[in-house]
Amino acid sequence: MTDHTAEQQAWAAALHAHGRRVTKQRLAVLAAVQHHPHSPAEGILAAAREELPELTAQSVYVVLSDLTDLQMLRRFEPPHSPALYETRVGDNHHHAVCISCGKVEDVDCAVGHAPCLTPHWNEDSKPMTIQIADVLYQGICQDCQAKQQLPVLPSVTQK
């Protein structure tokens, strides 16, 4: 079995588990997001059309919205950017965005768990159950630093 076939079978099982029919449009969008994470809808449309040339923009927007509502996809909105989509869901990871070129990288929780999901409420607050906390790191990626001849700062590694 090829990786593509296994991937499609996994997506089909997930769609069935959510009570959705398996359609070529849904599979094409899921594959496009999987292979092009952190892409806007237009980029997903272009990638999905490589597999399904007749796919319409409206279909992509409908599928993205539905799969985001099902939490099969995650949508996030960095500043000065259209919404971006990814298949990495359910782990409350964060993102780093290059302020020069817009490149996006996933960043795992800095302390190994999600303390950001347990905020400290002040006495005037009406606490709510937090499901997602978005932390956005902004900086300049190493490629842009090299182009601008800026010193590359050493990365902080987790132990």
C-alpha atoms as a PDB file:
ATOM      1  CA  MET A   1       0.000   0.000   0.000  1.00  0.00           C
ATOM      2  CA  THR A   2       1.376   3.422  -0.935  1.00  0.00           C
ATOM      3  CA  ASP A   3       1.642   6.293   1.525  1.00  0.00           C
ATOM      4  CA  HIS A   4      -0.989   8.198  -0.496  1.00  0.00           C
ATOM      5  CA  THR A   5      -3.449   5.300  -0.270  1.00  0.00           C
ATOM      6  CA  ALA A   6      -2.840   4.858   3.459  1.00  0.00           C
ATOM      7  CA  GLU A   7      -3.276   8.592   3.988  1.00  0.00           C
ATOM      8  CA  GLN A   8      -6.571   8.581   2.062  1.00  0.00           C
ATOM      9  CA  GLN A   9      -7.820   5.578   4.049  1.00  0.00           C
ATOM     10  CA  ALA A  10      -6.983   7.343   7.323  1.00  0.00           C
ATOM     11  CA  TRP A  11      -8.821  10.492   6.196  1.00  0.00           C
ATOM     12  CA  ALA A  12     -11.781   8.374   5.027  1.00  0.00           C
ATOM     13  CA  ALA A  13     -11.993   6.677   8.431  1.00  0.00           C
ATOM     14  CA  ALA A  14     -11.862  10.063  10.189  1.00  0.00           C
ATOM     15  CA  LEU A  15     -14.611  11.456   7.946  1.00  0.00           C
ATOM     16  CA  HIS A  16     -16.805   8.403   8.619  1.00  0.00           C
ATOM     17  CA  ALA A  17     -16.153   8.766  12.369  1.00  0.00           C
ATOM     18  CA  HIS A  18     -17.518  12.332  12.118  1.00  0.00           C
ATOM     19  CA  GLY A  19     -20.566  11.199  10.159  1.00  0.00           C
ATOM     20  CA  ARG A  20     -19.395  12.683   6.864  1.00  0.00           C
ATOM     21  CA  ARG A  21     -19.386  11.103   3.448  1.00  0.00           C
ATOM     22  CA  VAL A  22     -16.027  10.521   1.854  1.00  0.00           C
ATOM     23  CA  THR A  23     -15.883  12.705  -1.241  1.00  0.00           C
ATOM     24  CA  LYS A  24     -13.079  13.370  -3.668  1.00  0.00           C
ATOM     25  CA  GLN A  25     -13.322  17.087  -2.786  1.00  0.00           C
ATOM     26  CA  ARG A  26     -12.827  16.447   0.935  1.00  0.00           C
ATOM     27  CA  LEU A  27      -9.946  14.058   0.295  1.00  0.00           C
ATOM     28  CA  ALA A  28      -8.264  16.505  -2.088  1.00  0.00           C
ATOM     29  CA  VAL A  29      -8.538  19.361   0.419  1.00  0.00           C
ATOM     30  CA  LEU A  30      -7.268  17.203   3.298  1.00  0.00           C
ATOM     31  CA  ALA A  31      -4.313  16.005   1.230  1.00  0.00           C
ATOM     32  CA  ALA A  32      -3.508  19.575   0.153  1.00  0.00           C
ATOM     33  CA  VAL A  33      -3.528  20.840   3.746  1.00  0.00           C
ATOM     34  CA  GLN A  34      -1.497  17.831   4.934  1.00  0.00           C
ATOM     35  CA  HIS A  35       1.193  18.419   2.311  1.00  0.00           C
ATOM     36  CA  HIS A  36       1.111  22.234   2.502  1.00  0.00           C
ATOM     37  CA  PRO A  37       0.560  23.114   6.166  1.00  0.00           C
ATOM     38  CA  HIS A  38       0.075  26.751   7.127  1.00  0.00           C
ATOM     39  CA  SER A  39      -1.443  27.561   3.729  1.00  0.00           C
ATOM     40  CA  PRO A  40      -4.268  30.003   3.003  1.00  0.00           C
ATOM     41  CA  ALA A  41      -7.428  28.825   1.227  1.00  0.00           C
ATOM     42  CA  GLU A  42      -6.100  30.001  -2.162  1.00  0.00           C
ATOM     43  CA  GLY A  43      -2.943  27.922  -1.732  1.00  0.00           C
ATOM     44  CA  ILE A  44      -4.998  24.912  -0.705  1.00  0.00           C
ATOM     45  CA  LEU A  45      -7.203  25.381  -3.767  1.00  0.00           C
ATOM     46  CA  ALA A  46      -4.157  25.457  -6.056  1.00  0.00           C
ATOM     47  CA  ALA A  47      -2.641  22.354  -4.437  1.00  0.00           C
ATOM     48  CA  ALA A  48      -5.938  20.447  -4.440  1.00  0.00           C
ATOM     49  CA  ARG A  49      -6.496  21.269  -8.125  1.00  0.00           C
ATOM     50  CA  GLU A  50      -3.336  19.343  -8.967  1.00  0.00           C
ATOM     51  CA  GLU A  51      -5.266  16.226  -7.926  1.00  0.00           C
ATOM     52  CA  LEU A  52      -8.757  17.431  -8.819  1.00  0.00           C
ATOM     53  CA  PRO A  53      -8.604  20.083 -11.589  1.00  0.00           C
ATOM     54  CA  GLU A  54     -12.371  20.751 -11.638  1.00  0.00           C
ATOM     55  CA  LEU A  55     -12.478  21.710  -7.945  1.00  0.00           C
ATOM     56  CA  THR A  56     -14.125  25.099  -7.366  1.00  0.00           C
ATOM     57  CA  ALA A  57     -13.060  27.771  -4.900  1.00  0.00           C
ATOM     58  CA  GLN A  58     -16.517  27.620  -3.294  1.00  0.00           C
ATOM     59  CA  SER A  59     -16.107  23.877  -2.657  1.00  0.00           C
ATOM     60  CA  VAL A  60     -12.750  24.444  -0.985  1.00  0.00           C
ATOM     61  CA  TYR A  61     -14.146  27.145   1.308  1.00  0.00           C
ATOM     62  CA  VAL A  62     -17.104  24.938   2.263  1.00  0.00           C
ATOM     63  CA  VAL A  63     -14.862  21.923   2.949  1.00  0.00           C
ATOM     64  CA  LEU A  64     -12.366  24.012   4.956  1.00  0.00           C
ATOM     65  CA  SER A  65     -15.164  25.449   7.077  1.00  0.00           C
ATOM     66  CA  ASP A  66     -16.779  22.061   7.682  1.00  0.00           C
ATOM     67  CA  LEU A  67     -13.524  20.276   8.526  1.00  0.00           C
ATOM     68  CA  THR A  68     -12.501  23.124  10.828  1.00  0.00           C
ATOM     69  CA  ASP A  69     -15.851  22.881  12.624  1.00  0.00           C
ATOM     70  CA  LEU A  70     -15.257  19.119  13.011  1.00  0.00           C
ATOM     71  CA  GLN A  71     -11.752  19.891  14.373  1.00  0.00           C
ATOM     72  CA  MET A  72     -10.132  17.803  11.639  1.00  0.00           C
ATOM     73  CA  LEU A  73      -8.361  20.990  10.545  1.00  0.00           C
ATOM     74  CA  ARG A  74      -7.099  23.932  12.542  1.00  0.00           C
ATOM     75  CA  ARG A  75      -7.511  27.490  11.296  1.00  0.00           C
ATOM     76  CA  PHE A  76      -5.381  30.293  12.692  1.00  0.00           C
ATOM     77  CA  GLU A  77      -4.950  33.914  11.720  1.00  0.00           C
ATOM     78  CA  PRO A  78      -1.506  35.479  12.031  1.00  0.00           C
ATOM     79  CA  PRO A  79      -1.376  39.284  11.877  1.00  0.00           C
ATOM     80  CA  HIS A  80      -1.371  40.754   8.366  1.00  0.00           C
ATOM     81  CA  SER A  81      -2.195  37.376   6.810  1.00  0.00           C
ATOM     82  CA  PRO A  82      -5.251  35.540   5.583  1.00  0.00           C
ATOM     83  CA  ALA A  83      -6.384  32.581   7.674  1.00  0.00           C
ATOM     84  CA  LEU A  84      -4.040  29.606   7.462  1.00  0.00           C
ATOM     85  CA  TYR A  85      -4.930  25.926   7.817  1.00  0.00           C
ATOM     86  CA  GLU A  86      -3.180  22.832   9.089  1.00  0.00           C
ATOM     87  CA  THR A  87      -3.973  19.213   9.944  1.00  0.00           C
ATOM     88  CA  ARG A  88      -2.121  19.278  13.271  1.00  0.00           C
ATOM     89  CA  VAL A  89      -5.013  19.491  15.713  1.00  0.00           C
ATOM     90  CA  GLY A  90      -5.748  18.670  19.319  1.00  0.00           C
ATOM     91  CA  ASP A  91      -2.372  19.401  20.884  1.00  0.00           C
ATOM     92  CA  ASN A  92      -2.639  23.167  21.494  1.00  0.00           C
ATOM     93  CA  HIS A  93       0.713  23.871  19.842  1.00  0.00           C
ATOM     94  CA  HIS A  94       1.677  27.410  18.918  1.00  0.00           C
ATOM     95  CA  HIS A  95       3.240  29.165  15.922  1.00  0.00           C
ATOM     96  CA  ALA A  96       6.255  31.306  15.102  1.00  0.00           C
ATOM     97  CA  VAL A  97       5.879  33.716  12.181  1.00  0.00           C
ATOM     98  CA  CYS A  98       8.706  35.441  10.347  1.00  0.00           C
ATOM     99  CA  ILE A  99       7.865  39.160  10.194  1.00  0.00           C
ATOM    100  CA  SER A 100       9.983  39.480   7.059  1.00  0.00           C
ATOM    101  CA  CYS A 101       8.787  36.664   4.754  1.00  0.00           C
ATOM    102  CA  GLY A 102       5.735  35.280   6.562  1.00  0.00           C
ATOM    103  CA  LYS A 103       7.106  31.752   7.005  1.00  0.00           C
ATOM    104  CA  VAL A 104       5.260  29.853   9.758  1.00  0.00           C
ATOM    105  CA  GLU A 105       6.718  27.157  11.990  1.00  0.00           C
ATOM    106  CA  ASP A 106       4.997  25.022  14.613  1.00  0.00           C
ATOM    107  CA  VAL A 107       6.200  25.512  18.191  1.00  0.00           C
ATOM    108  CA  ASP A 108       5.457  22.945  20.878  1.00  0.00           C
ATOM    109  CA  CYS A 109       4.337  24.142  24.284  1.00  0.00           C
ATOM    110  CA  ALA A 110       7.396  25.575  26.030  1.00  0.00           C
ATOM    111  CA  VAL A 111       6.867  23.689  29.289  1.00  0.00           C
ATOM    112  CA  GLY A 112       5.711  20.358  27.913  1.00  0.00           C
ATOM    113  CA  HIS A 113       2.049  20.778  28.810  1.00  0.00           C
ATOM    114  CA  ALA A 114      -0.538  23.448  28.278  1.00  0.00           C
ATOM    115  CA  PRO A 115      -0.497  25.793  31.281  1.00  0.00           C
ATOM    116  CA  CYS A 116      -1.968  28.454  29.044  1.00  0.00           C
ATOM    117  CA  LEU A 117      -5.242  26.529  29.206  1.00  0.00           C
ATOM    118  CA  THR A 118      -5.577  27.258  32.931  1.00  0.00           C
ATOM    119  CA  PRO A 119      -5.658  31.048  33.193  1.00  0.00           C
ATOM    120  CA  HIS A 120      -5.715  32.899  36.470  1.00  0.00           C
ATOM    121  CA  TRP A 121      -9.038  34.698  36.639  1.00  0.00           C
ATOM    122  CA  ASN A 122      -9.397  37.930  38.597  1.00  0.00           C
ATOM    123  CA  GLU A 123     -12.213  38.195  41.116  1.00  0.00           C
ATOM    124  CA  ASP A 124     -14.423  40.218  38.730  1.00  0.00           C
ATOM    125  CA  SER A 125     -14.160  37.610  35.953  1.00  0.00           C
ATOM    126  CA  LYS A 126     -16.720  35.049  35.022  1.00  0.00           C
ATOM    127  CA  PRO A 127     -14.426  32.062  34.309  1.00  0.00           C
ATOM    128  CA  MET A 128     -14.995  29.921  31.275  1.00  0.00           C
ATOM    129  CA  THR A 129     -13.670  26.585  30.125  1.00  0.00           C
ATOM    130  CA  ILE A 130     -10.709  27.315  27.849  1.00  0.00           C
ATOM    131  CA  GLN A 131     -10.287  24.965  24.903  1.00  0.00           C
ATOM    132  CA  ILE A 132      -7.611  26.687  22.828  1.00  0.00           C
ATOM    133  CA  ALA A 133      -5.001  29.284  23.707  1.00  0.00           C
ATOM    134  CA  ASP A 134      -3.064  30.835  20.842  1.00  0.00           C
ATOM    135  CA  VAL A 135       0.470  31.982  21.503  1.00  0.00           C
ATOM    136  CA  LEU A 136       2.126  33.645  18.527  1.00  0.00           C
ATOM    137  CA  TYR A 137       5.878  34.148  18.368  1.00  0.00           C
ATOM    138  CA  GLN A 138       7.077  36.757  15.876  1.00  0.00           C
ATOM    139  CA  GLY A 139      10.638  37.124  14.698  1.00  0.00           C
ATOM    140  CA  ILE A 140      12.943  36.841  11.711  1.00  0.00           C
ATOM    141  CA  CYS A 141      13.670  33.375  10.335  1.00  0.00           C
ATOM    142  CA  GLN A 142      17.224  32.217   9.683  1.00  0.00           C
ATOM    143  CA  ASP A 143      16.814  32.482   5.878  1.00  0.00           C
ATOM    144  CA  CYS A 144      15.776  36.143   6.157  1.00  0.00           C
ATOM    145  CA  GLN A 145      18.551  36.826   8.664  1.00  0.00           C
ATOM    146  CA  ALA A 146      21.067  35.408   6.195  1.00  0.00           C
ATOM    147  CA  LYS A 147      19.664  37.519   3.329  1.00  0.00           C
ATOM    148  CA  GLN A 148      19.789  40.637   5.505  1.00  0.00           C
ATOM    149  CA  GLN A 149      23.199  39.634   6.867  1.00  0.00           C
ATOM    150  CA  LEU A 150      21.893  39.765  10.420  1.00  0.00           C
ATOM    151  CA  PRO A 151      23.568  37.644  13.070  1.00  0.00           C
ATOM    152  CA  VAL A 152      21.768  34.359  13.575  1.00  0.00           C
ATOM    153  CA  LEU A 153      21.018  34.062  17.261  1.00  0.00           C
ATOM    154  CA  PRO A 154      21.504  30.641  18.789  1.00  0.00           C
ATOM    155  CA  SER A 155      18.291  28.687  19.272  1.00  0.00           C
ATOM    156  CA  VAL A 156      17.131  27.892  22.743  1.00  0.00           C
ATOM    157  CA  THR A 157      16.768  24.147  22.953  1.00  0.00           C
ATOM    158  CA  GLN A 158      14.456  22.285  25.267  1.00  0.00           C
ATOM    159  CA  LYS A 159      15.793  19.624  27.569  1.00  0.00           C
END
